[in-house]
């Protein structure tokens, strides 16, 4: 059976162009991407002559992008008196004109992360503290689970190559199946 290369090129060229476009976009678009997730939320009942309950929670902010993130602002409806920033990096606390407070980090380089731990007393709850995180290029993405470690770039490239080869093989098999069905239908008509 002879392959009609012009038909194959007509079908394959937009698909190949799509993959090349996505790859070029990923290479050119180097931007900062901020994620945030809560590490814990807990209440401790401290026994003694005057029993007291103490609440604590933490939030991790990480730049998972390829560029330095600038002007990261962690907004709070109520900022507890007792909070800790780890590691010890430069930050400032700013009051907002309509109420609330922001902890502002000037920059986070790629793969840098900072943890803010809070300690406060009831009736304040962790859900009453935070009011969003943003930076100079947009808003942070809140992750519901702990992020998994990223595989090295060479492993991700191999997996991408295998994925592309699998798609090409699938398209080839689909085309061959259609050719077989067409030839089978021609034979059955005779």
Protein backbone atom coordinates (compact mmCIF):
# COMPACT_ATOMS: atom_id res chain seq x y z
CA UNK A 1 0.00 0.00 0.00
CA UNK A 2 1.37 3.38 -0.98
CA UNK A 3 1.46 6.27 1.53
CA UNK A 4 0.02 9.58 0.37
CA UNK A 5 2.65 11.88 1.89
CA UNK A 6 0.79 15.11 1.14
CA UNK A 7 -2.26 13.94 3.14
CA UNK A 8 -0.01 12.75 5.97
CA UNK A 9 1.84 16.09 5.99
CA UNK A 10 -1.46 17.99 5.96
CA UNK A 11 -2.66 16.06 9.02
CA UNK A 12 0.63 16.00 10.93
CA UNK A 13 1.81 19.60 10.41
CA UNK A 14 -0.78 21.30 12.69
CA UNK A 15 -0.16 18.71 15.40
CA UNK A 16 3.60 19.18 15.23
CA UNK A 17 3.17 22.96 15.14
CA UNK A 18 1.05 22.76 18.30
CA UNK A 19 3.78 20.90 20.21
CA UNK A 20 6.49 23.22 18.91
CA UNK A 21 4.39 26.26 19.88
CA UNK A 22 3.85 24.97 23.41
CA UNK A 23 7.57 24.20 23.80
CA UNK A 24 8.62 27.63 22.51
CA UNK A 25 6.06 29.32 24.76
CA UNK A 26 7.43 27.49 27.81
CA UNK A 27 10.99 28.45 26.90
CA UNK A 28 10.22 32.11 26.24
CA UNK A 29 7.72 32.72 29.04
CA UNK A 30 9.87 32.87 32.13
CA UNK A 31 7.70 34.29 34.86
CA UNK A 32 7.37 34.18 38.60
CA UNK A 33 4.76 31.79 40.00
CA UNK A 34 3.88 31.91 43.69
CA UNK A 35 2.18 29.04 45.51
CA UNK A 36 1.02 29.01 49.13
CA UNK A 37 -0.16 26.27 51.44
CA UNK A 38 -1.03 25.85 55.11
CA UNK A 39 1.36 23.61 57.02
CA UNK A 40 -0.78 23.03 60.08
CA UNK A 41 -3.49 24.47 62.30
CA UNK A 42 -3.54 23.43 65.94
CA UNK A 43 -4.90 24.33 69.36
CA UNK A 44 -2.94 23.64 72.53
CA UNK A 45 -4.57 23.47 75.95
CA UNK A 46 -1.96 24.61 78.46
CA UNK A 47 -2.66 23.26 81.94
CA UNK A 48 -1.80 25.08 85.13
CA UNK A 49 -3.34 27.39 87.71
CA UNK A 50 -4.97 29.37 84.89
CA UNK A 51 -5.59 26.95 81.99
CA UNK A 52 -5.40 28.61 78.61
CA UNK A 53 -5.86 27.58 74.99
CA UNK A 54 -3.32 28.72 72.40
CA UNK A 55 -3.85 28.45 68.62
CA UNK A 56 -1.11 28.18 66.03
CA UNK A 57 -0.80 27.69 62.31
CA UNK A 58 1.70 28.24 59.53
CA UNK A 59 1.68 29.15 55.88
CA UNK A 60 4.42 28.47 53.33
CA UNK A 61 4.92 30.80 50.38
CA UNK A 62 7.16 29.55 47.55
CA UNK A 63 8.26 30.89 44.19
CA UNK A 64 8.04 27.90 41.82
CA UNK A 65 8.51 30.07 38.71
CA UNK A 66 11.59 30.81 36.66
CA UNK A 67 11.91 34.51 37.52
CA UNK A 68 12.28 36.43 40.75
CA UNK A 69 8.92 37.35 42.25
CA UNK A 70 8.75 40.95 43.44
CA UNK A 71 6.60 42.70 46.01
CA UNK A 72 4.95 39.65 47.60
CA UNK A 73 2.09 40.82 49.85
CA UNK A 74 0.49 38.51 52.41
CA UNK A 75 -2.76 40.25 53.37
CA UNK A 76 -4.36 39.74 56.79
CA UNK A 77 -7.77 40.70 58.07
CA UNK A 78 -6.30 40.46 61.58
CA UNK A 79 -2.54 40.05 62.06
CA UNK A 80 -1.75 38.36 65.39
CA UNK A 81 0.88 40.04 67.56
CA UNK A 82 2.97 36.89 67.65
CA UNK A 83 4.21 35.69 64.28
CA UNK A 84 7.55 34.41 63.04
CA UNK A 85 9.10 34.51 59.56
CA UNK A 86 11.51 31.69 58.68
CA UNK A 87 14.12 31.85 57.29
CA UNK A 88 15.06 35.25 58.60
CA UNK A 89 14.66 37.39 55.47
CA UNK A 90 13.83 41.04 54.96
CA UNK A 91 10.16 41.97 55.28
CA UNK A 92 8.01 44.84 56.47
CA UNK A 93 4.52 45.13 57.97
CA UNK A 94 2.18 47.70 56.41
CA UNK A 95 -1.24 48.81 57.65
CA UNK A 96 -3.93 49.09 54.98
CA UNK A 97 -6.05 52.27 54.77
CA UNK A 98 -9.42 50.47 55.07
CA UNK A 99 -8.25 48.10 57.82
CA UNK A 100 -6.10 45.00 57.77
CA UNK A 101 -2.38 44.47 57.53
CA UNK A 102 0.11 43.15 54.97
CA UNK A 103 3.43 41.43 55.45
CA UNK A 104 5.49 42.51 52.44
CA UNK A 105 8.51 40.62 51.12
CA UNK A 106 10.56 42.60 48.57
CA UNK A 107 11.50 39.53 46.51
CA UNK A 108 11.65 35.74 46.37
CA UNK A 109 14.11 34.19 43.93
CA UNK A 110 13.13 31.02 42.02
CA UNK A 111 12.62 28.04 44.38
CA UNK A 112 12.93 30.22 47.47
CA UNK A 113 10.31 29.70 50.12
CA UNK A 114 9.36 31.44 53.33
CA UNK A 115 7.25 30.17 56.22
CA UNK A 116 5.13 32.42 58.41
CA UNK A 117 4.07 30.87 61.74
CA UNK A 118 1.33 32.47 63.82
CA UNK A 119 0.55 32.15 67.55
CA UNK A 120 -2.72 33.61 68.90
CA UNK A 121 -5.42 33.22 71.52
CA UNK A 122 -9.14 32.43 71.15
CA UNK A 123 -11.64 33.56 70.00
CA UNK A 124 -9.42 34.25 66.96
CA UNK A 125 -9.29 31.35 64.47
CA UNK A 126 -6.92 30.77 61.56
CA UNK A 127 -9.77 31.26 59.07
CA UNK A 128 -10.17 34.86 60.32
CA UNK A 129 -6.56 35.86 59.70
CA UNK A 130 -5.71 35.53 55.98
CA UNK A 131 -7.12 37.67 53.18
CA UNK A 132 -5.04 36.60 50.15
CA UNK A 133 -1.52 36.66 48.75
CA UNK A 134 -0.43 38.56 45.69
CA UNK A 135 2.76 39.70 43.98
CA UNK A 136 3.75 42.05 41.18
CA UNK A 137 2.66 39.59 38.45
CA UNK A 138 -0.60 38.33 39.91
CA UNK A 139 -2.08 36.29 42.73
CA UNK A 140 -0.61 33.30 44.52
CA UNK A 141 -2.13 29.90 43.89
CA UNK A 142 -3.31 28.20 47.06
CA UNK A 143 -2.28 24.55 47.05
CA UNK A 144 -4.45 22.21 49.11
CA UNK A 145 -1.77 19.54 49.61
CA UNK A 146 1.94 19.61 50.26
CA UNK A 147 3.82 20.01 46.98
CA UNK A 148 5.73 16.97 45.75
CA UNK A 149 9.41 17.28 44.95
CA UNK A 150 10.06 18.08 41.31
CA UNK A 151 11.93 15.56 39.23
CA UNK A 152 15.17 16.69 37.57
CA UNK A 153 14.82 18.41 34.21
CA UNK A 154 16.38 15.50 32.30
CA UNK A 155 13.74 13.07 33.62
CA UNK A 156 10.92 15.48 32.72
CA UNK A 157 12.36 15.85 29.20
CA UNK A 158 12.59 12.07 28.73
CA UNK A 159 8.97 11.67 29.87
CA UNK A 160 7.90 14.45 27.48
CA UNK A 161 9.79 12.78 24.62
CA UNK A 162 8.14 9.44 25.40
CA UNK A 163 4.75 11.15 25.52
CA UNK A 164 5.31 12.74 22.11
CA UNK A 165 6.52 9.44 20.65
CA UNK A 166 3.44 7.72 22.08
CA UNK A 167 1.14 10.30 20.49
CA UNK A 168 2.89 9.91 17.14
CA UNK A 169 2.64 6.11 17.40
CA UNK A 170 -1.07 6.39 18.28
CA UNK A 171 -1.73 8.65 15.29
CA UNK A 172 0.19 6.28 13.02
CA UNK A 173 -1.73 3.24 14.32
CA UNK A 174 -5.02 5.11 13.98
CA UNK A 175 -4.19 5.99 10.39
CA UNK A 176 -3.14 2.41 9.59
CA UNK A 177 -6.36 1.13 11.19
CA UNK A 178 -8.43 3.48 9.05
CA UNK A 179 -6.55 2.39 5.92
CA UNK A 180 -7.13 -1.26 6.86
CA UNK A 181 -10.85 -0.64 7.45
CA UNK A 182 -11.11 1.16 4.13
CA UNK A 183 -9.38 -1.65 2.25
CA UNK A 184 -11.52 -4.21 4.10
CA UNK A 185 -14.70 -2.38 3.10
CA UNK A 186 -13.50 -2.29 -0.51
CA UNK A 187 -12.87 -6.06 -0.42
CA UNK A 188 -16.29 -6.75 1.11
CA UNK A 189 -18.03 -4.72 -1.60
CA UNK A 190 -16.54 -6.94 -4.30
